[in-house]
Amino acid sequence: MAALFLPAPLSDSQVVGRIIVVQHPGVVRAYCPLHSTLPSVILVVPNIHYAVPDNGGRFQIGGVPAGCDRLSLWTEQHGVVDREVSLAAGQVMRADLTPDPTR
């Protein structure tokens, strides 16, 4: 579950807060009636192990427990790219995930 705080203007001089609770992982699209050219996309993930890439597309995810799991990349343009990974205790892994340009 995630809670988002979104300012919601009610008039030219009054701004109040609105809290939206997201119960399930997935994509949330937020729109502002005052700034229609600035939509937002929020990705709600089901765990604490996630990262936002830098401008070069690089990212680090720390504190991941050892074991087998799925590493996923999501972009608005290409959807999800994922693969199974196996991580040993203390291991540092390099993973290259490239979205399919045909999607």
N, C-alpha and C. Protein backbone atom coordinates (compact mmCIF):
# COMPACT_ATOMS: atom_id res chain seq x y z
N MET A 1 0.84 -1.16 0.00
CA MET A 1 0.00 0.00 0.00
C MET A 1 0.89 1.23 0.00
N ALA A 2 0.49 2.26 -0.70
CA ALA A 2 1.21 3.52 -0.74
C ALA A 2 0.22 4.66 -0.54
N ALA A 3 0.66 5.71 0.13
CA ALA A 3 -0.17 6.89 0.30
C ALA A 3 0.51 8.05 -0.40
N LEU A 4 -0.24 8.78 -1.19
CA LEU A 4 0.29 9.91 -1.94
C LEU A 4 -0.34 11.18 -1.40
N PHE A 5 0.46 12.22 -1.24
CA PHE A 5 -0.08 13.52 -0.85
C PHE A 5 -0.07 14.40 -2.08
N LEU A 6 -1.24 14.80 -2.53
CA LEU A 6 -1.36 15.63 -3.72
C LEU A 6 -2.04 16.94 -3.36
N PRO A 7 -1.38 18.08 -3.65
CA PRO A 7 -2.08 19.34 -3.42
C PRO A 7 -3.27 19.45 -4.37
N ALA A 8 -4.37 19.89 -3.85
CA ALA A 8 -5.59 20.00 -4.67
C ALA A 8 -6.17 21.40 -4.51
N PRO A 9 -5.90 22.30 -5.45
CA PRO A 9 -6.43 23.66 -5.31
C PRO A 9 -7.95 23.68 -5.42
N LEU A 10 -8.58 24.39 -4.48
CA LEU A 10 -10.04 24.52 -4.51
C LEU A 10 -10.46 25.87 -5.05
N SER A 11 -9.61 26.88 -4.93
CA SER A 11 -9.88 28.19 -5.49
C SER A 11 -8.54 28.88 -5.71
N ASP A 12 -8.57 30.10 -6.18
CA ASP A 12 -7.33 30.82 -6.44
C ASP A 12 -6.51 31.06 -5.17
N SER A 13 -7.15 31.09 -4.02
CA SER A 13 -6.44 31.46 -2.79
C SER A 13 -6.37 30.34 -1.77
N GLN A 14 -6.98 29.20 -2.03
CA GLN A 14 -7.02 28.14 -1.03
C GLN A 14 -6.47 26.85 -1.61
N VAL A 15 -5.55 26.23 -0.89
CA VAL A 15 -5.00 24.94 -1.29
C VAL A 15 -5.12 24.00 -0.10
N VAL A 16 -5.67 22.82 -0.33
CA VAL A 16 -5.77 21.82 0.73
C VAL A 16 -5.09 20.56 0.24
N GLY A 17 -4.84 19.64 1.13
CA GLY A 17 -4.21 18.39 0.75
C GLY A 17 -5.24 17.29 0.55
N ARG A 18 -4.93 16.38 -0.33
CA ARG A 18 -5.78 15.22 -0.57
C ARG A 18 -4.88 14.00 -0.53
N ILE A 19 -5.22 13.03 0.25
CA ILE A 19 -4.43 11.81 0.35
C ILE A 19 -5.13 10.71 -0.42
N ILE A 20 -4.38 10.04 -1.29
CA ILE A 20 -4.91 8.93 -2.07
C ILE A 20 -4.14 7.69 -1.65
N VAL A 21 -4.83 6.66 -1.25
CA VAL A 21 -4.19 5.41 -0.84
C VAL A 21 -4.29 4.41 -1.98
N VAL A 22 -3.14 3.88 -2.41
CA VAL A 22 -3.08 2.91 -3.49
C VAL A 22 -2.92 1.53 -2.85
N GLN A 23 -3.88 0.65 -3.08
CA GLN A 23 -3.89 -0.66 -2.42
C GLN A 23 -3.06 -1.72 -3.11
N HIS A 24 -2.81 -1.56 -4.43
CA HIS A 24 -2.14 -2.61 -5.19
C HIS A 24 -1.01 -2.01 -6.02
N PRO A 25 0.05 -2.78 -6.25
CA PRO A 25 1.14 -2.30 -7.12
C PRO A 25 0.63 -2.03 -8.53
N GLY A 26 1.27 -1.11 -9.20
CA GLY A 26 0.91 -0.81 -10.58
C GLY A 26 1.17 0.63 -10.93
N VAL A 27 0.67 1.06 -12.06
CA VAL A 27 0.88 2.40 -12.57
C VAL A 27 -0.28 3.30 -12.14
N VAL A 28 0.05 4.46 -11.60
CA VAL A 28 -0.94 5.47 -11.24
C VAL A 28 -0.66 6.70 -12.08
N ARG A 29 -1.64 7.17 -12.79
CA ARG A 29 -1.48 8.38 -13.60
C ARG A 29 -2.19 9.53 -12.90
N ALA A 30 -1.45 10.62 -12.71
CA ALA A 30 -2.00 11.79 -12.03
C ALA A 30 -2.02 12.97 -13.00
N TYR A 31 -3.12 13.69 -12.99
CA TYR A 31 -3.29 14.83 -13.87
C TYR A 31 -3.70 16.04 -13.05
N CYS A 32 -3.28 17.20 -13.49
CA CYS A 32 -3.63 18.45 -12.83
C CYS A 32 -4.48 19.28 -13.78
N PRO A 33 -5.64 19.71 -13.34
CA PRO A 33 -6.49 20.50 -14.23
C PRO A 33 -5.89 21.87 -14.57
N LEU A 34 -4.96 22.34 -13.74
CA LEU A 34 -4.32 23.64 -14.01
C LEU A 34 -3.09 23.52 -14.89
N HIS A 35 -2.47 22.35 -14.89
CA HIS A 35 -1.23 22.14 -15.65
C HIS A 35 -1.38 20.91 -16.53
N SER A 36 -2.23 20.99 -17.52
CA SER A 36 -2.57 19.82 -18.33
C SER A 36 -1.40 19.29 -19.14
N THR A 37 -0.35 20.07 -19.33
CA THR A 37 0.82 19.60 -20.08
C THR A 37 1.85 18.93 -19.18
N LEU A 38 1.54 18.78 -17.89
CA LEU A 38 2.49 18.18 -16.94
C LEU A 38 1.88 16.97 -16.23
N PRO A 39 1.51 15.92 -16.97
CA PRO A 39 0.98 14.74 -16.29
C PRO A 39 2.09 14.01 -15.53
N SER A 40 1.72 13.23 -14.54
CA SER A 40 2.68 12.45 -13.76
C SER A 40 2.34 10.98 -13.86
N VAL A 41 3.38 10.16 -13.83
CA VAL A 41 3.21 8.72 -13.79
C VAL A 41 3.93 8.22 -12.55
N ILE A 42 3.21 7.51 -11.69
CA ILE A 42 3.76 6.99 -10.44
C ILE A 42 3.70 5.48 -10.51
N LEU A 43 4.82 4.82 -10.29
CA LEU A 43 4.86 3.36 -10.29
C LEU A 43 4.91 2.89 -8.84
N VAL A 44 3.88 2.17 -8.41
CA VAL A 44 3.81 1.63 -7.05
C VAL A 44 4.36 0.21 -7.11
N VAL A 45 5.42 -0.05 -6.35
CA VAL A 45 6.06 -1.36 -6.37
C VAL A 45 5.76 -2.11 -5.07
N PRO A 46 5.77 -3.45 -5.12
CA PRO A 46 5.35 -4.24 -3.97
C PRO A 46 6.45 -4.51 -2.93
N ASN A 47 7.57 -3.80 -3.00
CA ASN A 47 8.64 -4.05 -2.04
C ASN A 47 9.49 -2.79 -1.85
N ILE A 48 10.47 -2.88 -0.95
CA ILE A 48 11.32 -1.72 -0.67
C ILE A 48 12.57 -1.68 -1.52
N HIS A 49 12.78 -2.65 -2.37
CA HIS A 49 14.00 -2.73 -3.20
C HIS A 49 13.70 -2.21 -4.60
N TYR A 50 13.96 -0.92 -4.81
CA TYR A 50 13.72 -0.30 -6.10
C TYR A 50 14.70 0.85 -6.27
N ALA A 51 14.81 1.34 -7.49
CA ALA A 51 15.69 2.48 -7.76
C ALA A 51 15.13 3.28 -8.92
N VAL A 52 15.50 4.54 -8.95
CA VAL A 52 15.20 5.42 -10.08
C VAL A 52 16.53 5.66 -10.77
N PRO A 53 16.64 5.38 -12.07
CA PRO A 53 17.92 5.54 -12.75
C PRO A 53 18.34 7.00 -12.87
N ASP A 54 19.66 7.20 -13.00
CA ASP A 54 20.16 8.55 -13.24
C ASP A 54 19.97 8.89 -14.72
N ASN A 55 20.45 10.04 -15.14
CA ASN A 55 20.27 10.47 -16.53
C ASN A 55 20.94 9.55 -17.54
N GLY A 56 21.94 8.77 -17.11
CA GLY A 56 22.61 7.82 -17.99
C GLY A 56 21.97 6.44 -17.97
N GLY A 57 20.89 6.28 -17.19
CA GLY A 57 20.21 4.98 -17.12
C GLY A 57 20.81 4.03 -16.09
N ARG A 58 21.78 4.49 -15.30
CA ARG A 58 22.42 3.64 -14.30
C ARG A 58 21.65 3.71 -12.98
N PHE A 59 21.69 2.61 -12.22
CA PHE A 59 21.01 2.58 -10.92
C PHE A 59 21.71 1.60 -10.01
N GLN A 60 21.49 1.73 -8.72
CA GLN A 60 21.96 0.78 -7.73
C GLN A 60 20.82 0.47 -6.79
N ILE A 61 20.74 -0.79 -6.39
CA ILE A 61 19.75 -1.22 -5.41
C ILE A 61 20.52 -1.90 -4.30
N GLY A 62 20.52 -1.31 -3.12
CA GLY A 62 21.27 -1.87 -2.00
C GLY A 62 20.39 -2.65 -1.05
N GLY A 63 21.02 -3.47 -0.21
CA GLY A 63 20.30 -4.18 0.83
C GLY A 63 19.42 -5.32 0.35
N VAL A 64 19.67 -5.82 -0.85
CA VAL A 64 18.86 -6.90 -1.39
C VAL A 64 19.31 -8.22 -0.75
N PRO A 65 18.40 -9.01 -0.17
CA PRO A 65 18.80 -10.28 0.44
C PRO A 65 19.24 -11.29 -0.61
N ALA A 66 20.11 -12.20 -0.18
CA ALA A 66 20.60 -13.26 -1.07
C ALA A 66 19.43 -14.15 -1.50
N GLY A 67 19.57 -14.74 -2.70
CA GLY A 67 18.55 -15.66 -3.19
C GLY A 67 18.20 -15.39 -4.63
N CYS A 68 17.18 -16.09 -5.09
CA CYS A 68 16.70 -15.94 -6.47
C CYS A 68 15.47 -15.05 -6.48
N ASP A 69 15.42 -14.20 -7.46
CA ASP A 69 14.27 -13.30 -7.57
C ASP A 69 14.19 -12.78 -8.99
N ARG A 70 13.29 -11.86 -9.23
CA ARG A 70 13.09 -11.27 -10.55
C ARG A 70 13.50 -9.82 -10.48
N LEU A 71 14.35 -9.40 -11.42
CA LEU A 71 14.76 -8.01 -11.58
C LEU A 71 13.94 -7.43 -12.72
N SER A 72 13.22 -6.34 -12.45
CA SER A 72 12.32 -5.77 -13.45
C SER A 72 12.67 -4.32 -13.73
N LEU A 73 12.53 -3.95 -14.98
CA LEU A 73 12.68 -2.57 -15.44
C LEU A 73 11.35 -2.16 -16.04
N TRP A 74 10.87 -0.97 -15.67
CA TRP A 74 9.62 -0.46 -16.23
C TRP A 74 9.86 0.91 -16.82
N THR A 75 9.38 1.12 -18.04
CA THR A 75 9.36 2.46 -18.63
C THR A 75 7.97 2.69 -19.17
N GLU A 76 7.56 3.95 -19.19
CA GLU A 76 6.23 4.26 -19.70
C GLU A 76 6.10 3.88 -21.17
N GLN A 77 7.18 4.04 -21.93
CA GLN A 77 7.13 3.76 -23.36
C GLN A 77 7.17 2.27 -23.69
N HIS A 78 7.87 1.47 -22.88
CA HIS A 78 8.11 0.06 -23.25
C HIS A 78 7.51 -0.96 -22.29
N GLY A 79 6.91 -0.52 -21.20
CA GLY A 79 6.35 -1.49 -20.26
C GLY A 79 7.44 -2.16 -19.42
N VAL A 80 7.26 -3.45 -19.14
CA VAL A 80 8.16 -4.19 -18.24
C VAL A 80 9.13 -5.06 -19.02
N VAL A 81 10.39 -5.02 -18.61
CA VAL A 81 11.42 -5.95 -19.05
C VAL A 81 11.93 -6.59 -17.78
N ASP A 82 11.96 -7.91 -17.70
CA ASP A 82 12.47 -8.52 -16.48
C ASP A 82 13.23 -9.79 -16.77
N ARG A 83 13.96 -10.24 -15.76
CA ARG A 83 14.71 -11.49 -15.87
C ARG A 83 14.96 -12.05 -14.49
N GLU A 84 15.14 -13.35 -14.43
CA GLU A 84 15.46 -14.02 -13.18
C GLU A 84 16.93 -13.75 -12.84
N VAL A 85 17.19 -13.48 -11.56
CA VAL A 85 18.56 -13.26 -11.10
C VAL A 85 18.78 -14.08 -9.84
N SER A 86 20.02 -14.45 -9.60
CA SER A 86 20.41 -15.17 -8.39
C SER A 86 21.56 -14.39 -7.76
N LEU A 87 21.40 -14.02 -6.50
CA LEU A 87 22.37 -13.19 -5.82
C LEU A 87 22.87 -13.91 -4.58
N ALA A 88 24.20 -14.08 -4.49
CA ALA A 88 24.81 -14.69 -3.30
C ALA A 88 25.01 -13.62 -2.24
N ALA A 89 25.14 -14.03 -0.98
CA ALA A 89 25.34 -13.08 0.11
C ALA A 89 26.58 -12.24 -0.14
N GLY A 90 26.47 -10.94 -0.05
CA GLY A 90 27.59 -10.03 -0.26
C GLY A 90 27.98 -9.80 -1.71
N GLN A 91 27.30 -10.43 -2.64
CA GLN A 91 27.65 -10.31 -4.05
C GLN A 91 27.19 -8.97 -4.62
N VAL A 92 28.03 -8.38 -5.48
CA VAL A 92 27.65 -7.20 -6.25
C VAL A 92 27.42 -7.68 -7.67
N MET A 93 26.28 -7.36 -8.22
CA MET A 93 25.91 -7.85 -9.54
C MET A 93 25.75 -6.69 -10.51
N ARG A 94 26.18 -6.90 -11.73
CA ARG A 94 25.91 -5.94 -12.80
C ARG A 94 24.85 -6.57 -13.70
N ALA A 95 23.81 -5.81 -13.97
CA ALA A 95 22.74 -6.32 -14.80
C ALA A 95 22.40 -5.28 -15.86
N ASP A 96 22.32 -5.71 -17.08
CA ASP A 96 21.92 -4.83 -18.18
C ASP A 96 20.54 -5.25 -18.64
N LEU A 97 19.58 -4.37 -18.47
CA LEU A 97 18.22 -4.61 -18.94
C LEU A 97 17.91 -3.54 -19.98
N THR A 98 17.60 -3.98 -21.18
CA THR A 98 17.32 -3.05 -22.26
C THR A 98 15.89 -3.26 -22.73
N PRO A 99 15.09 -2.19 -22.77
CA PRO A 99 13.71 -2.33 -23.27
C PRO A 99 13.69 -2.69 -24.75
N ASP A 100 12.65 -3.39 -25.15
CA ASP A 100 12.46 -3.74 -26.55
C ASP A 100 11.97 -2.50 -27.31
N PRO A 101 12.75 -1.98 -28.25
CA PRO A 101 12.35 -0.76 -28.95
C PRO A 101 11.12 -0.93 -29.84
N THR A 102 10.70 -2.17 -30.11
CA THR A 102 9.54 -2.40 -30.97
C THR A 102 8.23 -2.31 -30.21
N ARG A 103 8.30 -2.23 -28.86
CA ARG A 103 7.08 -2.13 -28.03
C ARG A 103 6.66 -0.72 -27.85
